[in-house]
Amino acid sequence: EEYAGDPRFNFIVLPKNVGKRKAQIAAIRRSCGDLVLNVDSDTILAPDVITRLALKMQDQAVGAAMGQLAASNRTETWLTRLIDMEYWLACNEERAAQARFGAVMCCCGPCAMYRRSALVSLLDQYETQRFRGKPSDFGEDRHLTILMLKAGFRTEYVPEAVAATVVPNRMGPYLRQQLRWARSTFRDTLLAFQLLRGLNIYLTLDVIGQNIGPLLLSLSLLAGLAQFVTTGTVPWTACLTIAVMTMVRCSVAAFRARQLRFLGFSLH
């Protein structure tokens, strides 16, 4: 009601809920600017986000750029506090490291800017993706990012472009969200592997680590339980190793962010 009469805005009302991906495609096909900004409906942008992302996109080799994410409801529960720290780590460690090589592997959906000419050339591939014989309806941001990289564009991270988004405040919705993201990560890893030969060796290690790490941790847990059941002893060495690795990572994050709260992220 507030913006419908504003000539700068063009609202597209679809006849039914067709999902995020098809809604994106409908908007992109009717757009006309050089750049397209994707923002989730529960996300609030800092006033300078568009400017900062657009400056990064001045390089014609860049096909997409994402901003830094934070939890807008961080103080709501203990879980939202942990997720806010998870976002900081994902952006300022993982994405920042990948951006050193111009290959952020997932420009996150809540706040990402794309070059429209590149988007238009990829829309057919994006729209027709299938998983296990069915049209895909999850992992839009990761898949679109990998298509950008496959097309030869760079993908970047802009830490100064801050966007705050609502995160789950209960375990049930959080675990369902994580399951969707994990499915997307494992599925699109197959596409990512085709890219890795032309990218830096660090990115190969990063992609392998993202996929093998959780598996190794699960195997360690099962092996530890099996040892306890069969011998009645606790695998203290393995427990101590995992705890030390966790505390080292969280201590580094606490030092870089200058915030002691990151020591509590070891709980996560």
Protein backbone atom coordinates (compact mmCIF):
# COMPACT_ATOMS: atom_id res chain seq x y z
CA GLU A 1 0.00 0.00 0.00
CA GLU A 2 2.85 2.38 0.79
CA TYR A 3 4.87 1.79 -2.39
CA ALA A 4 2.30 0.64 -4.98
CA GLY A 5 1.89 4.16 -6.36
CA ASP A 6 5.62 4.87 -6.45
CA PRO A 7 6.85 4.71 -10.09
CA ARG A 8 10.24 3.41 -8.92
CA PHE A 9 8.63 0.15 -7.82
CA ASN A 10 7.08 -2.60 -9.92
CA PHE A 11 5.23 -5.30 -8.00
CA ILE A 12 4.72 -8.68 -9.66
CA VAL A 13 1.81 -10.68 -8.27
CA LEU A 14 2.00 -14.35 -9.26
CA PRO A 15 -1.24 -16.35 -9.52
CA LYS A 16 -0.07 -18.81 -6.85
CA ASN A 17 2.87 -19.59 -4.58
CA VAL A 18 5.40 -21.10 -7.01
CA GLY A 19 8.38 -21.04 -4.64
CA LYS A 20 11.37 -18.76 -4.27
CA ARG A 21 13.25 -19.88 -7.36
CA LYS A 22 10.43 -19.28 -9.85
CA ALA A 23 9.56 -15.99 -8.16
CA GLN A 24 13.17 -14.89 -8.59
CA ILE A 25 13.13 -15.88 -12.25
CA ALA A 26 9.88 -13.98 -12.90
CA ALA A 27 11.41 -10.83 -11.43
CA ILE A 28 14.75 -11.21 -13.22
CA ARG A 29 13.06 -11.63 -16.61
CA ARG A 30 11.13 -8.40 -16.11
CA SER A 31 14.09 -6.43 -14.78
CA CYS A 32 16.10 -3.95 -16.80
CA GLY A 33 18.97 -2.71 -14.62
CA ASP A 34 22.59 -3.80 -14.85
CA LEU A 35 22.51 -5.28 -11.34
CA VAL A 36 19.94 -7.39 -9.48
CA LEU A 37 19.78 -7.43 -5.67
CA ASN A 38 18.24 -10.46 -4.01
CA VAL A 39 16.88 -9.82 -0.50
CA ASP A 40 14.84 -12.21 1.63
CA SER A 41 11.59 -10.85 3.04
CA ASP A 42 12.83 -11.15 6.66
CA THR A 43 16.08 -9.25 6.00
CA ILE A 44 16.91 -5.64 6.91
CA LEU A 45 19.70 -3.91 4.98
CA ALA A 46 22.10 -1.32 6.33
CA PRO A 47 21.66 2.01 4.43
CA ASP A 48 24.93 1.59 2.47
CA VAL A 49 24.57 -2.06 1.43
CA ILE A 50 23.58 -1.39 -2.20
CA THR A 51 26.37 1.16 -2.65
CA ARG A 52 29.03 -1.15 -1.24
CA LEU A 53 27.93 -4.16 -3.28
CA ALA A 54 27.60 -2.08 -6.46
CA LEU A 55 31.17 -0.80 -6.03
CA LYS A 56 32.44 -4.38 -5.97
CA MET A 57 30.38 -5.15 -9.09
CA GLN A 58 32.14 -2.39 -11.06
CA ASP A 59 34.68 -5.08 -11.96
CA GLN A 60 33.09 -6.72 -15.02
CA ALA A 61 34.68 -10.06 -14.07
CA VAL A 62 32.50 -10.23 -10.93
CA GLY A 63 29.19 -12.00 -11.47
CA ALA A 64 27.91 -11.97 -7.88
CA ALA A 65 28.73 -10.47 -4.49
CA MET A 66 27.28 -11.10 -1.05
CA GLY A 67 27.22 -9.02 2.12
CA GLN A 68 27.89 -9.92 5.73
CA LEU A 69 24.96 -11.55 7.54
CA ALA A 70 23.92 -11.06 11.16
CA ALA A 71 20.95 -12.27 13.20
CA SER A 72 18.44 -9.45 13.70
CA ASN A 73 16.90 -11.39 16.63
CA ARG A 74 20.25 -12.28 18.19
CA THR A 75 19.22 -11.49 21.78
CA GLU A 76 16.03 -13.57 21.64
CA THR A 77 17.30 -16.99 22.86
CA TRP A 78 20.56 -18.83 23.50
CA LEU A 79 20.12 -20.49 20.10
CA THR A 80 19.84 -17.20 18.20
CA ARG A 81 23.02 -16.01 19.92
CA LEU A 82 24.87 -19.11 18.74
CA ILE A 83 23.49 -18.76 15.20
CA ASP A 84 24.62 -15.12 15.09
CA MET A 85 28.15 -16.29 15.89
CA GLU A 86 27.80 -19.07 13.31
CA TYR A 87 26.95 -16.44 10.68
CA TRP A 88 29.97 -14.34 11.66
CA LEU A 89 32.26 -17.33 11.28
CA ALA A 90 30.68 -18.43 8.00
CA CYS A 91 31.07 -14.92 6.55
CA ASN A 92 34.34 -13.68 8.01
CA GLU A 93 36.27 -16.93 7.93
CA GLU A 94 34.82 -19.22 5.27
CA ARG A 95 33.48 -16.71 2.70
CA ALA A 96 36.30 -14.24 3.33
CA ALA A 97 38.89 -16.96 2.67
CA GLN A 98 37.13 -18.10 -0.49
CA ALA A 99 36.90 -14.49 -1.69
CA ARG A 100 40.71 -14.28 -1.62
CA PHE A 101 40.52 -16.47 -4.74
CA GLY A 102 37.43 -14.80 -6.22
CA ALA A 103 35.32 -17.91 -5.67
CA VAL A 104 32.81 -17.60 -2.83
CA MET A 105 31.07 -20.96 -3.13
CA CYS A 106 27.67 -19.74 -1.93
CA CYS A 107 26.43 -16.13 -2.14
CA CYS A 108 23.78 -16.36 0.56
CA GLY A 109 20.14 -15.70 -0.32
CA PRO A 110 19.33 -13.00 2.27
CA CYS A 111 21.62 -10.45 0.61
CA ALA A 112 23.35 -11.04 -2.72
CA MET A 113 23.86 -8.89 -5.81
CA TYR A 114 24.14 -10.35 -9.33
CA ARG A 115 25.09 -9.05 -12.76
CA ARG A 116 21.85 -9.23 -14.74
CA SER A 117 23.50 -10.08 -18.07
CA ALA A 118 25.11 -13.13 -16.42
CA LEU A 119 21.86 -14.08 -14.70
CA VAL A 120 19.87 -13.99 -17.94
CA SER A 121 22.35 -16.34 -19.64
CA LEU A 122 22.02 -18.83 -16.74
CA LEU A 123 18.27 -18.71 -16.11
CA ASP A 124 17.39 -21.77 -18.18
CA GLN A 125 19.92 -23.92 -16.32
CA TYR A 126 18.80 -22.44 -13.01
CA GLU A 127 15.10 -23.04 -13.70
CA THR A 128 15.41 -26.61 -14.99
CA GLN A 129 17.63 -28.06 -12.27
CA ARG A 130 16.44 -31.48 -11.13
CA PHE A 131 17.38 -33.60 -8.14
CA ARG A 132 16.57 -37.33 -8.04
CA GLY A 133 14.32 -36.90 -11.06
CA LYS A 134 12.25 -34.04 -9.58
CA PRO A 135 12.44 -30.26 -10.06
CA SER A 136 14.70 -28.81 -7.37
CA ASP A 137 13.12 -26.47 -4.83
CA PHE A 138 15.97 -25.92 -2.36
CA GLY A 139 19.51 -24.57 -2.31
CA GLU A 140 18.83 -21.75 -4.78
CA ASP A 141 21.66 -19.51 -3.63
CA ARG A 142 24.40 -22.16 -3.71
CA HIS A 143 23.32 -23.53 -7.08
CA LEU A 144 23.13 -20.08 -8.67
CA THR A 145 26.57 -19.20 -7.29
CA ILE A 146 28.13 -22.35 -8.74
CA LEU A 147 26.51 -21.65 -12.11
CA MET A 148 28.14 -18.20 -11.99
CA LEU A 149 31.54 -19.75 -11.31
CA LYS A 150 31.06 -22.33 -14.06
CA ALA A 151 30.30 -19.49 -16.48
CA GLY A 152 33.70 -17.96 -15.65
CA PHE A 153 32.62 -15.13 -13.35
CA ARG A 154 34.17 -14.26 -10.00
CA THR A 155 32.05 -14.31 -6.85
CA GLU A 156 32.97 -11.97 -4.00
CA TYR A 157 32.30 -11.19 -0.34
CA VAL A 158 31.88 -7.61 0.93
CA PRO A 159 32.13 -7.57 4.77
CA GLU A 160 31.17 -3.87 5.00
CA ALA A 161 27.74 -4.57 3.43
CA VAL A 162 25.83 -5.74 6.51
CA ALA A 163 22.37 -7.34 6.39
CA ALA A 164 20.40 -8.56 9.41
CA THR A 165 18.06 -11.51 8.97
CA VAL A 166 15.68 -13.41 11.25
CA VAL A 167 17.08 -16.77 12.38
CA PRO A 168 15.25 -19.74 13.98
CA ASN A 169 14.75 -19.37 17.72
CA ARG A 170 13.82 -23.01 18.38
CA MET A 171 15.67 -26.26 17.73
CA GLY A 172 13.03 -27.85 15.48
CA PRO A 173 13.00 -25.13 12.78
CA TYR A 174 16.77 -24.74 13.10
CA LEU A 175 17.45 -28.44 12.47
CA ARG A 176 15.07 -28.46 9.47
CA GLN A 177 16.89 -25.43 8.06
CA GLN A 178 20.27 -27.11 8.57
CA LEU A 179 19.03 -30.27 6.86
CA ARG A 180 17.96 -28.26 3.78
CA TRP A 181 21.32 -26.53 3.67
CA ALA A 182 23.21 -29.79 4.09
CA ARG A 183 21.27 -31.40 1.24
CA SER A 184 22.13 -28.43 -0.95
CA THR A 185 25.81 -28.56 0.01
CA PHE A 186 26.20 -32.27 -0.72
CA ARG A 187 24.18 -32.12 -3.95
CA ASP A 188 25.99 -29.14 -5.43
CA THR A 189 29.40 -30.47 -4.38
CA LEU A 190 29.25 -32.65 -7.49
CA LEU A 191 28.91 -29.50 -9.60
CA ALA A 192 31.63 -27.77 -7.59
CA PHE A 193 34.14 -30.56 -8.17
CA GLN A 194 34.00 -29.86 -11.91
CA LEU A 195 35.16 -26.30 -11.12
CA LEU A 196 37.97 -27.09 -8.73
CA ARG A 197 40.58 -28.00 -11.33
CA GLY A 198 40.57 -24.38 -12.51
CA LEU A 199 40.52 -22.86 -9.01
CA ASN A 200 43.06 -22.55 -6.19
CA ILE A 201 44.05 -25.71 -4.29
CA TYR A 202 42.74 -24.11 -1.09
CA LEU A 203 39.21 -24.23 -2.49
CA THR A 204 39.60 -27.95 -3.20
CA LEU A 205 40.57 -28.54 0.43
CA ASP A 206 37.71 -26.29 1.57
CA VAL A 207 35.05 -28.18 -0.40
CA ILE A 208 36.41 -31.58 0.64
CA GLY A 209 36.57 -30.46 4.27
CA GLN A 210 32.97 -29.23 4.25
CA ASN A 211 31.78 -32.63 3.07
CA ILE A 212 34.19 -35.03 4.79
CA GLY A 213 34.41 -33.17 8.12
CA PRO A 214 30.87 -33.96 9.35
CA LEU A 215 31.26 -37.58 8.23
CA LEU A 216 34.55 -38.00 10.14
CA LEU A 217 33.02 -36.39 13.24
CA SER A 218 30.05 -38.77 13.05
CA LEU A 219 32.35 -41.78 12.64
CA SER A 220 34.40 -40.62 15.64
CA LEU A 221 31.22 -40.39 17.73
CA LEU A 222 30.06 -43.87 16.67
CA ALA A 223 33.50 -45.36 17.28
CA GLY A 224 33.61 -43.75 20.72
CA LEU A 225 30.18 -45.13 21.64
CA ALA A 226 31.18 -48.57 20.38
CA GLN A 227 34.36 -48.47 22.51
CA PHE A 228 32.37 -47.45 25.58
CA VAL A 229 29.76 -50.20 25.05
CA THR A 230 32.26 -52.99 24.35
CA THR A 231 35.09 -52.10 26.76
CA GLY A 232 33.52 -49.72 29.30
CA THR A 233 36.26 -47.15 28.65
CA VAL A 234 35.93 -43.59 27.39
CA PRO A 235 38.06 -42.53 24.36
CA TRP A 236 39.57 -39.58 26.21
CA THR A 237 42.21 -38.93 23.54
CA ALA A 238 39.62 -38.44 20.81
CA CYS A 239 37.42 -36.33 23.10
CA LEU A 240 40.36 -34.12 24.07
CA THR A 241 41.44 -33.71 20.43
CA ILE A 242 37.97 -32.58 19.35
CA ALA A 243 37.68 -30.23 22.34
CA VAL A 244 41.09 -28.66 21.67
CA MET A 245 40.32 -28.15 17.96
CA THR A 246 37.02 -26.51 18.94
CA MET A 247 38.60 -24.18 21.49
CA VAL A 248 41.41 -23.18 19.13
CA ARG A 249 38.94 -22.19 16.41
CA CYS A 250 36.71 -20.29 18.84
CA SER A 251 39.70 -18.55 20.44
CA VAL A 252 40.89 -17.33 17.04
CA ALA A 253 37.38 -16.03 16.29
CA ALA A 254 37.19 -14.31 19.71
CA PHE A 255 40.55 -12.61 19.02
CA ARG A 256 39.63 -11.50 15.49
CA ALA A 257 36.17 -10.24 16.48
CA ARG A 258 37.44 -8.80 19.78
CA GLN A 259 34.45 -10.48 21.46
CA LEU A 260 34.81 -13.07 24.23
CA ARG A 261 31.33 -14.41 23.46
CA PHE A 262 32.87 -16.47 20.66
CA LEU A 263 34.41 -18.75 23.29
CA GLY A 264 30.84 -19.83 23.98
CA PHE A 265 30.50 -20.91 20.36
CA SER A 266 32.30 -24.11 21.32
CA LEU A 267 28.88 -25.25 22.63
CA HIS A 268 27.56 -25.03 19.07
